[in-house]
Amino acid sequence: MAQVPQTFFDALAVRSWCGLALQALGRAREEIDAINVYPVADGDTGTNLYLTVESAVAAVEAVFAAHEVDAGASGKPTLADAAGAMAHGALIGAQGNSGTILAQLLRGMAQVLAADGETPHTDGPGLRLALRRAADSARQAVAHPVEGTVLSVASAAADAAAQAVGEAEGDCATVARAAYEGAHAALAATPGQLAVLARAGVVDAGGRGLVAVLAALVETFTGEAPRPFAGSAAAMRGPDATVGAEVAAQGPADEDCAASPEDGGPAFEVIYLLEAEDASVARLRTRLDALGDSLVVVGGDGLWNVHVHVDDAGAAVEAGVEAGRPYRIRITHFGLGDVHTRGGERPPRERVQRAVVAVVPGEGLAGLYAEAGATTVLARPGEAPASGELVDAVRRAHAREVVLLPNDADLRHTAAAAAEQARTEGIRVALIPTRSAVQGIAALAVHEPGRRFDEDVVSMTSAAGATRYAEVAVAERESWTMAGICQAGDVLGLVEDDVAVIGSDVIAIAEAVLDRMLQAGGELVTLVLGDDAPDSVADRLEARVRESYLAVDTVVYRGGRQGALLLIGVE
């Protein structure tokens, strides 16, 4: 069906633009992934941009659906409603460095488009202002802006749009086309601005994605897509086939970003949404900037999306906890021998053979699992992840084969749905029905990526199944249990999900639970302490094991805000 051009930038134009941008990124996703070499050559920029816009589309469609229900088939949201939904959807669904910056670009535009909540539409000058705000706000969100990236492309688009309005009255189509052409030219110049691009013979992947998004904007207002970007082969050289050769002859350009893949960078990508006040976020930026690189903090009005590359994933999450309430925490391990340590020699699109994706209940365990090479999804008390979040984590793992550890009996069906969805995308997924994070730790300890997939899954399943688990928690309300009636505030000792002991002293309950578990024998006790556990509980339990159970070892981890006071595993 032919696209009906929009004369003004109104709510319908926002809806059309988002849909067309998603289609454009869907067509270009693999090409963009293939040229992704900066700031980390992990081959996922196209996918991250697609998923970010997909979230924006879902938010815009939800707003339209709500207005149609309230006002009938003719009802439609205002420009402010649609633009705000677009920005919010992109913010909460932003993936990776590129997606986070795109979310801020869309937020900057929305701030202008929604400035007057009653205005039904804006024109060319309004679109020009929106593009300028987008470019400026995105640059401000990046801790250390680098030229030759999507930031340069966005600034060039805004500059070209401003010139178009200066030359004529400027309708939306004129402004959009000028922005696209300015971005296209700036993209071709990126290899001359960033040495890592010149050495790889590619243009910037994030900038390439923005060009696709701006091409969709042109199509929104003209009904026709502009001249398509060159195919994959040409993309490796840039829009102008001579760019790569010319840059190579000139030699590498100067770089001023600590995240260069050539010089060995951080091991983890950490992303989370954060509910926090502006003053707290300012302090968070300073702390995260000292911890790592590729820092981008976007958002406002109490909700932020934080992205950073660090060596200490736990410290990055803890910084968020100090600033406010982080959630939807995603920690991705770049992998041993990746582009940080191999100077970008690996083909960017290459998938790893096998990965582990795990749901974990606290920030401390998220860091522990990530250090072991797992891609993690944080589950806070009362905020179990949806199947879509698990599918996203499987995609982020960027592997042909994935072992999925739900680490919670209540997530079995959710994890099964996620595994099924991932299989339709060509990923081989094995679901190990771990019921506790300590079972996941045991499974991860015997994980051997070099083994045959089936053998690895069997070994991990056996290790998890051989690990008995328990927890010590505080009752939230009065209820009947297998150990009797408990009152709100009572300390509960649960063994294999059933309440076995009720009392008032945390250490006494923990000792009673540990004794019950070790009656059946064991060689290793794993203790995972929550933030609210008494400081002395680990020492007391370790001493009890030494004194009463010969040849049994104990290992202690800090789990963070994990809901339970204490998790116990016995292998």
Protein backbone atom coordinates (compact mmCIF):
# COMPACT_ATOMS: atom_id res chain seq x y z
CA MET A 1 0.00 0.00 0.00
CA ALA A 2 1.40 3.39 -0.99
CA GLN A 3 2.30 5.75 1.82
CA VAL A 4 -0.07 8.73 2.10
CA PRO A 5 2.12 11.82 2.54
CA GLN A 6 1.58 14.05 5.58
CA THR A 7 1.47 17.81 5.03
CA PHE A 8 2.12 18.80 8.63
CA PHE A 9 3.81 17.11 11.56
CA ASP A 10 0.82 15.95 13.59
CA ALA A 11 -0.02 12.82 15.56
CA LEU A 12 -0.66 10.79 12.40
CA ALA A 13 2.72 11.87 11.04
CA VAL A 14 4.40 10.67 14.24
CA ARG A 15 2.64 7.33 13.85
CA SER A 16 3.59 7.02 10.18
CA TRP A 17 7.19 8.02 10.81
CA CYS A 18 7.65 5.48 13.58
CA GLY A 19 6.19 2.70 11.45
CA LEU A 20 8.28 3.58 8.41
CA ALA A 21 11.43 3.92 10.53
CA LEU A 22 10.86 0.45 11.95
CA GLN A 23 10.47 -0.97 8.44
CA ALA A 24 13.61 0.84 7.25
CA LEU A 25 15.67 -0.43 10.18
CA GLY A 26 14.28 -3.91 9.67
CA ARG A 27 15.56 -3.89 6.09
CA ALA A 28 18.94 -2.43 7.09
CA ARG A 29 19.43 -4.26 10.38
CA GLU A 30 21.87 -6.91 9.18
CA GLU A 31 23.84 -4.42 7.10
CA ILE A 32 24.18 -2.05 10.08
CA ASP A 33 25.14 -4.91 12.39
CA ALA A 34 27.85 -5.91 9.91
CA ILE A 35 29.56 -2.50 9.96
CA ASN A 36 29.38 -2.03 13.74
CA VAL A 37 32.97 -1.48 14.88
CA TYR A 38 32.63 1.47 17.27
CA PRO A 39 32.61 1.89 20.25
CA VAL A 40 32.59 -1.93 20.51
CA ALA A 41 32.56 -4.24 17.49
CA ASP A 42 29.85 -6.50 18.87
CA GLY A 43 27.74 -6.53 15.71
CA ASP A 44 24.43 -5.43 17.22
CA THR A 45 23.91 -1.73 16.43
CA GLY A 46 21.27 -2.42 13.79
CA THR A 47 19.43 -4.81 16.08
CA ASN A 48 19.59 -2.37 19.00
CA LEU A 49 18.21 0.48 16.90
CA TYR A 50 15.43 -1.75 15.59
CA LEU A 51 14.39 -2.86 19.09
CA THR A 52 14.47 0.74 20.35
CA VAL A 53 12.16 1.95 17.58
CA GLU A 54 9.99 -1.15 18.01
CA SER A 55 9.36 -0.02 21.60
CA ALA A 56 8.54 3.50 20.40
CA VAL A 57 6.07 2.11 17.85
CA ALA A 58 4.34 0.02 20.52
CA ALA A 59 3.92 3.09 22.76
CA VAL A 60 2.51 5.23 19.95
CA GLU A 61 0.09 2.50 18.88
CA ALA A 62 -1.07 2.13 22.48
CA VAL A 63 -1.89 5.84 22.64
CA PHE A 64 -3.86 5.68 19.40
CA ALA A 65 -5.73 2.58 20.59
CA ALA A 66 -6.66 4.29 23.84
CA HIS A 67 -8.05 7.35 22.02
CA GLU A 68 -10.03 5.19 19.62
CA VAL A 69 -11.67 3.44 22.58
CA ASP A 70 -12.47 6.72 24.33
CA ALA A 71 -13.62 8.75 21.30
CA GLY A 72 -14.64 6.12 18.77
CA ALA A 73 -13.05 5.33 15.42
CA SER A 74 -12.47 9.01 14.66
CA GLY A 75 -10.57 9.71 17.86
CA LYS A 76 -6.86 10.44 17.64
CA PRO A 77 -4.30 11.75 20.10
CA THR A 78 -2.76 15.20 20.02
CA LEU A 79 0.71 15.82 18.63
CA ALA A 80 1.96 16.16 22.21
CA ASP A 81 0.43 12.79 23.15
CA ALA A 82 1.93 10.97 20.18
CA ALA A 83 5.35 12.60 20.39
CA GLY A 84 5.51 12.01 24.13
CA ALA A 85 4.59 8.35 23.68
CA MET A 86 7.22 7.96 20.98
CA ALA A 87 9.92 9.40 23.25
CA HIS A 88 8.82 7.43 26.30
CA GLY A 89 8.61 4.17 24.39
CA ALA A 90 12.10 4.67 22.99
CA LEU A 91 13.45 5.58 26.43
CA ILE A 92 12.16 2.48 28.23
CA GLY A 93 13.06 0.18 25.33
CA ALA A 94 16.46 1.65 24.40
CA GLN A 95 19.07 -1.00 23.63
CA GLY A 96 22.83 -0.50 23.60
CA ASN A 97 24.80 2.68 23.06
CA SER A 98 23.16 3.49 19.73
CA GLY A 99 19.61 2.86 20.91
CA THR A 100 20.14 5.00 24.00
CA ILE A 101 21.36 7.93 21.89
CA LEU A 102 18.46 7.50 19.45
CA ALA A 103 16.06 7.59 22.39
CA GLN A 104 17.49 10.95 23.43
CA LEU A 105 17.24 12.25 19.87
CA LEU A 106 13.54 11.36 19.85
CA ARG A 107 13.09 12.85 23.31
CA GLY A 108 14.68 16.11 22.17
CA MET A 109 12.30 16.28 19.24
CA ALA A 110 9.32 15.51 21.46
CA GLN A 111 10.23 18.35 23.82
CA VAL A 112 9.71 20.80 20.96
CA LEU A 113 6.76 19.04 19.33
CA ALA A 114 4.91 18.78 22.65
CA ALA A 115 5.85 22.23 23.97
CA ASP A 116 2.31 23.45 23.42
CA GLY A 117 0.08 20.55 24.34
CA GLU A 118 -2.91 22.04 22.48
CA THR A 119 -1.21 22.59 19.11
CA PRO A 120 -2.59 20.02 16.63
CA HIS A 121 0.45 20.13 14.36
CA THR A 122 3.69 21.88 13.55
CA ASP A 123 5.23 23.02 10.27
CA GLY A 124 8.69 23.19 8.70
CA PRO A 125 10.16 25.75 11.13
CA GLY A 126 8.84 23.67 14.01
CA LEU A 127 10.45 20.53 12.61
CA ARG A 128 13.70 22.45 12.19
CA LEU A 129 13.65 23.42 15.88
CA ALA A 130 12.85 19.84 16.86
CA LEU A 131 15.83 18.50 14.91
CA ARG A 132 18.13 21.06 16.50
CA ARG A 133 16.93 20.21 20.01
CA ALA A 134 17.37 16.52 19.22
CA ALA A 135 20.99 16.93 18.13
CA ASP A 136 21.92 19.19 21.03
CA SER A 137 20.27 17.07 23.72
CA ALA A 138 21.85 13.87 22.41
CA ARG A 139 25.30 15.46 22.48
CA GLN A 140 24.72 16.66 26.06
CA ALA A 141 23.69 13.14 27.12
CA VAL A 142 27.03 11.62 26.09
CA ALA A 143 29.77 12.03 28.67
CA HIS A 144 32.55 12.42 26.09
CA PRO A 145 31.16 13.25 22.63
CA VAL A 146 33.24 11.97 19.72
CA GLU A 147 33.08 13.24 16.15
CA GLY A 148 32.54 10.71 13.40
CA THR A 149 29.65 9.10 15.25
CA VAL A 150 25.87 9.39 15.19
CA LEU A 151 26.28 12.69 17.06
CA SER A 152 28.06 14.23 14.06
CA VAL A 153 25.37 12.90 11.73
CA ALA A 154 22.59 14.33 13.91
CA SER A 155 24.27 17.74 14.10
CA ALA A 156 24.72 17.83 10.33
CA ALA A 157 21.05 16.97 9.84
CA ALA A 158 20.01 19.83 12.12
CA ASP A 159 22.37 22.27 10.38
CA ALA A 160 21.06 21.32 6.94
CA ALA A 161 17.46 21.62 8.12
CA ALA A 162 18.13 25.12 9.47
CA GLN A 163 19.61 26.20 6.14
CA ALA A 164 16.60 24.86 4.25
CA VAL A 165 14.23 26.91 6.35
CA GLY A 166 16.43 29.96 5.85
CA GLU A 167 16.28 29.64 2.08
CA ALA A 168 12.50 29.38 1.83
CA GLU A 169 9.40 29.29 3.95
CA GLY A 170 10.10 25.62 4.46
CA ASP A 171 7.38 23.01 4.71
CA CYS A 172 7.99 19.73 6.55
CA ALA A 173 8.93 17.86 3.39
CA THR A 174 11.58 20.43 2.50
CA VAL A 175 13.06 20.36 5.99
CA ALA A 176 13.00 16.57 6.22
CA ARG A 177 14.68 16.14 2.84
CA ALA A 178 17.38 18.67 3.73
CA ALA A 179 18.02 16.92 7.07
CA TYR A 180 18.31 13.56 5.32
CA GLU A 181 20.74 14.87 2.71
CA GLY A 182 22.85 16.60 5.35
CA ALA A 183 22.97 13.43 7.42
CA HIS A 184 23.82 11.33 4.37
CA ALA A 185 26.79 13.58 3.53
CA ALA A 186 27.96 13.61 7.15
CA LEU A 187 27.77 9.84 7.29
CA ALA A 188 30.07 9.56 4.27
CA ALA A 189 32.60 11.73 6.12
CA THR A 190 32.68 9.67 9.33
CA PRO A 191 35.66 7.47 8.33
CA GLY A 192 37.74 10.63 8.01
CA GLN A 193 36.82 11.66 11.55
CA LEU A 194 37.27 8.38 13.43
CA ALA A 195 40.33 6.20 12.88
CA VAL A 196 38.69 2.93 13.83
CA LEU A 197 36.19 3.42 11.00
CA ALA A 198 38.94 4.25 8.53
CA ARG A 199 40.90 1.12 9.44
CA ALA A 200 37.81 -1.05 9.02
CA GLY A 201 36.74 0.74 5.84
CA VAL A 202 33.21 1.45 7.08
CA VAL A 203 30.98 4.34 7.99
CA ASP A 204 29.59 4.73 11.51
CA ALA A 205 26.88 2.17 12.19
CA GLY A 206 24.85 4.40 14.50
CA GLY A 207 24.96 7.20 11.96
CA ARG A 208 23.89 4.77 9.25
CA GLY A 209 20.88 3.90 11.37
CA LEU A 210 19.97 7.56 11.85
CA VAL A 211 20.11 8.08 8.09
CA ALA A 212 17.57 5.26 7.73
CA VAL A 213 15.32 6.91 10.33
CA LEU A 214 15.55 10.27 8.54
CA ALA A 215 14.80 8.60 5.21
CA ALA A 216 11.59 7.38 6.83
CA LEU A 217 10.85 10.97 7.88
CA VAL A 218 11.18 12.08 4.25
CA GLU A 219 8.82 9.32 3.14
CA THR A 220 6.34 10.40 5.81
CA PHE A 221 6.02 13.85 4.25
CA THR A 222 6.49 13.03 0.55
CA GLY A 223 5.07 9.55 0.16
CA GLU A 224 8.32 8.40 -1.44
CA ALA A 225 11.51 7.10 0.08
CA PRO A 226 14.64 9.07 -0.88
CA ARG A 227 17.53 7.54 -2.77
CA PRO A 228 18.38 4.34 -0.91
CA PHE A 229 21.69 3.90 0.82
CA ALA A 230 24.18 1.74 -1.04
CA GLY A 231 24.10 -2.02 -0.51
CA SER A 232 26.15 -3.97 1.97
CA ALA A 233 29.30 -4.08 -0.13
CA ALA A 234 29.28 -0.35 -0.69
CA ALA A 235 28.33 0.23 2.95
CA MET A 236 31.66 -1.23 3.96
CA ARG A 237 33.26 1.61 1.97
CA GLY A 238 30.74 4.32 2.83
CA PRO A 239 28.09 6.03 0.65
CA ASP A 240 30.85 7.29 -1.64
CA ALA A 241 32.85 4.33 -2.95
CA THR A 242 36.05 6.36 -2.79
CA VAL A 243 35.75 7.33 0.86
CA GLY A 244 37.46 4.24 2.27
CA ALA A 245 40.42 4.43 -0.10
CA GLU A 246 40.90 8.15 0.44
CA VAL A 247 40.84 7.83 4.21
CA ALA A 248 43.21 4.88 4.16
CA ALA A 249 45.66 6.92 2.13
CA GLN A 250 45.45 9.77 4.60
CA GLY A 251 46.25 7.51 7.55
CA PRO A 252 44.38 7.19 10.84
CA ALA A 253 42.68 10.19 12.38
CA ASP A 254 43.00 11.29 15.98
CA GLU A 255 40.58 9.81 18.52
CA ASP A 256 39.59 11.19 21.91
CA CYS A 257 37.41 8.44 23.29
CA ALA A 258 38.57 6.05 25.99
CA ALA A 259 36.32 3.32 24.56
CA SER A 260 38.45 2.56 21.52
CA PRO A 261 38.31 -1.18 20.78
CA GLU A 262 41.96 -1.03 19.81
CA ASP A 263 43.36 -0.31 23.25
CA GLY A 264 41.56 -2.80 25.45
CA GLY A 265 38.29 -1.59 26.96
CA PRO A 266 35.87 -2.56 29.71
CA ALA A 267 34.43 -6.08 29.87
CA PHE A 268 30.75 -5.34 30.54
CA GLU A 269 27.91 -3.31 29.11
CA VAL A 270 25.50 -2.22 31.84
CA ILE A 271 22.09 -0.72 31.04
CA TYR A 272 19.22 0.08 33.35
CA LEU A 273 16.21 2.30 33.77
CA LEU A 274 16.46 4.60 36.77
CA GLU A 275 13.86 6.48 38.77
CA ALA A 276 15.79 9.38 40.30
CA GLU A 277 15.89 13.14 40.81
CA ASP A 278 18.02 15.38 38.58
CA ALA A 279 20.54 16.17 41.32
CA SER A 280 21.13 12.47 42.00
CA VAL A 281 21.62 11.78 38.30
CA ALA A 282 24.27 14.50 38.08
CA ARG A 283 26.24 12.73 40.81
CA LEU A 284 25.64 9.39 39.11
CA ARG A 285 27.14 10.68 35.86
CA THR A 286 30.32 11.70 37.68
CA ARG A 287 30.66 8.34 39.40
CA LEU A 288 29.98 6.25 36.30
CA ASP A 289 32.33 8.36 34.23
CA ALA A 290 35.10 7.40 36.65
CA LEU A 291 34.16 3.71 36.44
CA GLY A 292 34.18 3.22 32.68
CA ASP A 293 33.45 4.69 29.26
CA SER A 294 30.75 4.94 26.57
CA LEU A 295 28.61 6.65 29.21
CA VAL A 296 25.21 7.85 28.01
CA VAL A 297 22.50 8.99 30.43
CA VAL A 298 19.24 10.03 28.79
CA GLY A 299 15.77 10.94 29.97
CA GLY A 300 14.34 13.35 32.50
CA ASP A 301 11.26 14.05 34.58
CA GLY A 302 12.27 11.38 37.06
CA LEU A 303 12.94 8.54 34.58
CA TRP A 304 16.34 7.88 33.01
CA ASN A 305 18.03 5.29 30.83
CA VAL A 306 21.64 4.65 31.85
CA HIS A 307 24.24 3.01 29.58
CA VAL A 308 27.92 2.47 30.39
CA HIS A 309 30.80 0.10 29.63
CA VAL A 310 32.70 -0.94 32.78
CA ASP A 311 34.95 -3.61 34.23
CA ASP A 312 33.02 -3.66 37.54
CA ALA A 313 29.38 -4.27 36.62
CA GLY A 314 28.34 -4.49 40.27
CA ALA A 315 29.76 -1.05 41.03
CA ALA A 316 27.83 0.45 38.11
CA VAL A 317 24.58 -0.99 39.42
CA GLU A 318 25.37 0.03 43.00
CA ALA A 319 25.89 3.59 41.78
CA GLY A 320 22.37 3.45 40.36
CA VAL A 321 21.01 2.14 43.67
CA GLU A 322 22.58 5.10 45.47
CA ALA A 323 21.06 7.53 42.96
CA GLY A 324 17.54 6.12 42.98
CA ARG A 325 15.67 3.00 41.94
CA PRO A 326 17.26 1.08 39.06
CA TYR A 327 15.28 -1.66 37.31
CA ARG A 328 15.28 -3.63 34.06
CA ILE A 329 19.00 -4.03 34.67
CA ARG A 330 20.83 -5.68 31.77
CA ILE A 331 24.46 -6.72 32.05
CA THR A 332 26.21 -8.12 28.98
CA HIS A 333 29.68 -9.64 29.06
CA PHE A 334 31.63 -8.72 25.94
CA GLY A 335 33.47 -12.02 26.22
CA LEU A 336 37.06 -13.12 26.57
CA GLY A 337 39.14 -12.53 23.49
CA ASP A 338 36.61 -10.13 22.02
CA VAL A 339 37.34 -6.97 20.10
CA HIS A 340 38.54 -5.18 23.21
CA THR A 341 41.56 -7.45 23.38
CA ARG A 342 41.89 -8.50 19.75
CA GLY A 343 41.98 -5.08 18.11
CA GLY A 344 38.77 -5.59 16.11
CA GLU A 345 40.13 -8.50 14.08
CA ARG A 346 36.99 -10.58 14.55
CA PRO A 347 34.27 -10.04 11.92
CA PRO A 348 31.76 -7.81 13.76
CA ARG A 349 28.73 -9.91 12.82
CA GLU A 350 30.20 -13.18 14.07
CA ARG A 351 28.03 -14.83 16.72
CA VAL A 352 29.49 -16.74 19.60
CA GLN A 353 28.63 -20.42 19.53
CA ARG A 354 27.05 -20.65 22.97
CA ALA A 355 25.91 -18.38 25.77
CA VAL A 356 24.07 -18.55 29.08
CA VAL A 357 21.14 -16.26 29.89
CA ALA A 358 20.07 -16.13 33.53
CA VAL A 359 17.42 -14.39 35.63
CA VAL A 360 18.94 -13.23 38.91
CA PRO A 361 17.27 -11.71 42.01
CA GLY A 362 19.84 -9.09 43.04
CA GLU A 363 22.51 -6.72 41.77
CA GLY A 364 25.33 -8.61 43.44
CA LEU A 365 24.39 -11.87 41.75
CA ALA A 366 23.93 -10.05 38.46
CA GLY A 367 27.57 -9.01 38.66
CA LEU A 368 28.65 -12.52 39.69
CA TYR A 369 26.80 -14.18 36.82
CA ALA A 370 28.07 -11.59 34.34
CA GLU A 371 31.67 -12.14 35.45
CA ALA A 372 31.13 -15.83 34.69
CA GLY A 373 30.11 -14.87 31.16
CA ALA A 374 26.31 -14.95 31.47
CA THR A 375 23.87 -12.39 30.08
CA THR A 376 21.59 -11.45 32.96
CA VAL A 377 18.07 -10.20 33.57
CA LEU A 378 17.42 -8.71 37.00
CA ALA A 379 14.22 -9.76 38.77
CA ARG A 380 13.25 -7.55 41.68
CA PRO A 381 10.75 -8.66 44.34
CA GLY A 382 7.28 -8.27 42.88
CA GLU A 383 8.69 -7.37 39.44
CA ALA A 384 9.19 -10.66 37.63
CA PRO A 385 10.49 -10.18 34.08
CA ALA A 386 8.13 -10.74 31.16
CA SER A 387 8.87 -13.19 28.36
CA GLY A 388 9.78 -10.27 26.08
CA GLU A 389 12.60 -9.26 28.42
CA LEU A 390 13.95 -12.80 28.36
CA VAL A 391 13.76 -12.90 24.56
CA ASP A 392 15.63 -9.61 24.46
CA ALA A 393 18.34 -11.06 26.71
CA VAL A 394 18.66 -14.10 24.44
CA ARG A 395 19.11 -11.77 21.46
CA ARG A 396 21.70 -9.70 23.34
CA ALA A 397 23.68 -12.84 24.08
CA HIS A 398 24.30 -12.94 20.32
CA ALA A 399 24.84 -16.70 20.22
CA ARG A 400 23.77 -19.61 18.06
CA GLU A 401 23.04 -21.71 21.14
CA VAL A 402 21.66 -20.40 24.45
CA VAL A 403 21.16 -22.07 27.82
CA LEU A 404 18.36 -20.32 29.71
CA LEU A 405 18.31 -20.36 33.53
CA PRO A 406 15.05 -18.90 34.98
CA ASN A 407 16.18 -19.50 38.60
CA ASP A 408 12.59 -19.31 39.84
CA ALA A 409 9.83 -21.92 39.73
CA ASP A 410 7.26 -19.20 39.02
CA LEU A 411 9.14 -18.20 35.85
CA ARG A 412 8.97 -21.65 34.25
CA HIS A 413 6.15 -20.83 31.84
CA THR A 414 7.50 -17.36 31.09
CA ALA A 415 10.91 -18.80 30.29
CA ALA A 416 9.36 -21.53 28.15
CA ALA A 417 7.50 -18.92 26.10
CA ALA A 418 10.69 -16.90 25.66
CA ALA A 419 12.62 -19.99 24.57
CA GLU A 420 9.95 -20.83 22.01
CA GLN A 421 10.02 -17.31 20.59
CA ALA A 422 13.80 -17.35 20.34
CA ARG A 423 13.69 -20.68 18.51
CA THR A 424 11.48 -19.13 15.83
CA GLU A 425 14.36 -16.67 15.25
CA GLY A 426 16.78 -19.49 14.55
CA ILE A 427 18.43 -19.66 17.97
CA ARG A 428 18.86 -23.05 19.59
CA VAL A 429 17.65 -22.67 23.18
CA ALA A 430 17.74 -25.16 26.05
CA LEU A 431 15.70 -24.32 29.15
CA ILE A 432 17.09 -25.73 32.40
CA PRO A 433 14.30 -25.48 35.02
CA THR A 434 16.40 -23.98 37.82
CA ARG A 435 14.23 -22.98 40.77
CA SER A 436 16.76 -20.84 42.66
CA ALA A 437 19.75 -18.66 41.88
CA VAL A 438 21.99 -21.06 43.82
CA GLN A 439 21.00 -23.84 41.40
CA GLY A 440 21.94 -21.49 38.59
CA ILE A 441 25.33 -20.90 40.18
CA ALA A 442 25.91 -24.66 40.30
CA ALA A 443 24.89 -25.04 36.66
CA LEU A 444 27.10 -22.17 35.55
CA ALA A 445 30.07 -23.65 37.42
CA VAL A 446 30.10 -26.75 35.18
CA HIS A 447 29.25 -24.91 31.95
CA GLU A 448 31.73 -25.82 29.20
CA PRO A 449 31.13 -23.98 25.89
CA GLY A 450 33.57 -26.31 24.12
CA ARG A 451 31.43 -29.39 24.71
CA ARG A 452 28.63 -30.55 22.47
CA PHE A 453 25.48 -28.59 23.24
CA ASP A 454 23.50 -31.58 24.47
CA GLU A 455 26.32 -32.73 26.71
CA ASP A 456 26.73 -29.28 28.20
CA VAL A 457 23.00 -28.99 28.90
CA VAL A 458 22.92 -32.43 30.54
CA SER A 459 25.89 -31.57 32.73
CA MET A 460 24.42 -28.22 33.78
CA THR A 461 21.00 -29.78 34.43
CA SER A 462 22.58 -32.48 36.60
CA ALA A 463 24.52 -29.92 38.63
CA ALA A 464 21.42 -27.80 39.19
CA GLY A 465 19.33 -30.82 40.12
CA ALA A 466 21.94 -32.00 42.63
CA THR A 467 21.81 -28.65 44.45
CA ARG A 468 19.26 -28.40 47.25
CA TYR A 469 18.13 -24.87 47.92
CA ALA A 470 16.59 -22.86 50.73
CA GLU A 471 16.05 -19.28 51.79
CA VAL A 472 15.45 -17.19 54.86
CA ALA A 473 12.89 -14.44 54.40
CA VAL A 474 10.52 -12.21 56.35
CA ALA A 475 6.76 -12.89 56.18
CA GLU A 476 4.80 -10.02 54.64
CA ARG A 477 1.42 -11.06 56.07
CA GLU A 478 -0.31 -13.64 58.21
CA SER A 479 -0.74 -16.96 56.45
CA TRP A 480 -0.97 -20.72 56.87
CA THR A 481 2.20 -22.71 56.18
CA MET A 482 3.36 -26.31 56.50
CA ALA A 483 5.13 -25.25 59.71
CA GLY A 484 2.08 -23.54 61.18
CA ILE A 485 0.61 -20.05 61.15
CA CYS A 486 3.02 -17.17 60.59
CA GLN A 487 2.45 -13.51 61.32
CA ALA A 488 3.67 -10.51 59.35
CA GLY A 489 7.27 -9.85 60.36
CA ASP A 490 8.07 -13.44 61.32
CA VAL A 491 11.32 -14.92 60.02
CA LEU A 492 10.67 -17.90 57.74
CA GLY A 493 13.01 -20.69 56.79
CA LEU A 494 11.96 -22.21 53.47
CA VAL A 495 13.44 -25.45 52.15
CA GLU A 496 12.68 -26.25 48.50
CA ASP A 497 9.94 -23.53 48.52
CA ASP A 498 8.09 -24.94 51.57
CA VAL A 499 8.14 -23.18 54.94
CA ALA A 500 10.03 -25.45 57.33
CA VAL A 501 10.79 -23.17 60.29
CA ILE A 502 9.15 -20.06 61.77
CA GLY A 503 10.76 -17.81 64.36
CA SER A 504 11.96 -14.33 65.22
CA ASP A 505 15.76 -14.61 65.10
CA VAL A 506 17.36 -14.58 61.68
CA ILE A 507 20.55 -16.39 62.69
CA ALA A 508 18.69 -19.10 64.63
CA ILE A 509 16.38 -19.75 61.70
CA ALA A 510 19.29 -19.81 59.26
CA GLU A 511 21.16 -22.35 61.42
CA ALA A 512 18.06 -24.53 61.69
CA VAL A 513 17.58 -24.49 57.92
CA LEU A 514 21.24 -25.25 57.25
CA ASP A 515 21.16 -28.22 59.67
CA ARG A 516 18.09 -29.65 57.95
CA MET A 517 19.75 -29.40 54.56
CA LEU A 518 23.07 -30.94 55.65
CA GLN A 519 21.36 -33.90 57.32
CA ALA A 520 21.23 -35.44 53.85
CA GLY A 521 24.93 -34.75 53.31
CA GLY A 522 26.75 -32.31 51.10
CA GLU A 523 30.16 -31.11 50.00
CA LEU A 524 29.65 -27.40 49.35
CA VAL A 525 27.43 -24.79 50.99
CA THR A 526 26.68 -21.61 49.04
CA LEU A 527 25.42 -18.58 50.97
CA VAL A 528 24.03 -15.54 49.17
CA LEU A 529 23.45 -12.61 51.55
CA GLY A 530 20.80 -9.98 50.92
CA ASP A 531 21.30 -6.35 51.89
CA ASP A 532 19.07 -6.73 54.97
CA ALA A 533 20.77 -9.83 56.37
CA PRO A 534 22.59 -9.36 59.70
CA ASP A 535 26.30 -8.74 59.25
CA SER A 536 27.21 -11.68 61.46
CA VAL A 537 25.06 -14.35 59.81
CA ALA A 538 27.71 -15.49 57.32
CA ASP A 539 30.39 -15.83 60.00
CA ARG A 540 28.03 -17.80 62.24
CA LEU A 541 27.01 -20.20 59.49
CA GLU A 542 30.57 -20.71 58.28
CA ALA A 543 31.65 -21.49 61.84
CA ARG A 544 28.78 -23.94 62.24
CA VAL A 545 29.79 -25.79 59.09
CA ARG A 546 33.45 -25.99 60.21
CA GLU A 547 32.54 -27.24 63.67
CA SER A 548 29.78 -29.71 62.82
CA TYR A 549 30.27 -30.91 59.25
CA LEU A 550 33.65 -32.27 58.25
CA ALA A 551 34.91 -31.88 54.66
CA VAL A 552 32.18 -29.40 53.75
CA ASP A 553 33.31 -26.14 52.16
CA THR A 554 31.47 -22.82 52.28
CA VAL A 555 31.39 -19.97 49.76
CA VAL A 556 29.71 -16.62 50.42
CA TYR A 557 28.38 -14.07 47.93
CA ARG A 558 26.70 -10.68 48.33
CA GLY A 559 23.40 -10.67 46.49
CA GLY A 560 22.30 -7.08 47.00
CA ARG A 561 18.59 -6.25 47.14
CA GLN A 562 17.36 -9.75 46.36
CA GLY A 563 14.15 -9.98 48.39
CA ALA A 564 15.24 -12.87 50.64
CA LEU A 565 17.55 -12.22 53.57
CA LEU A 566 19.59 -15.28 52.69
CA LEU A 567 19.78 -17.90 49.95
CA ILE A 568 21.35 -21.26 50.78
CA GLY A 569 22.52 -23.94 48.39
CA VAL A 570 23.94 -27.34 49.26
CA GLU A 571 25.69 -29.48 46.68
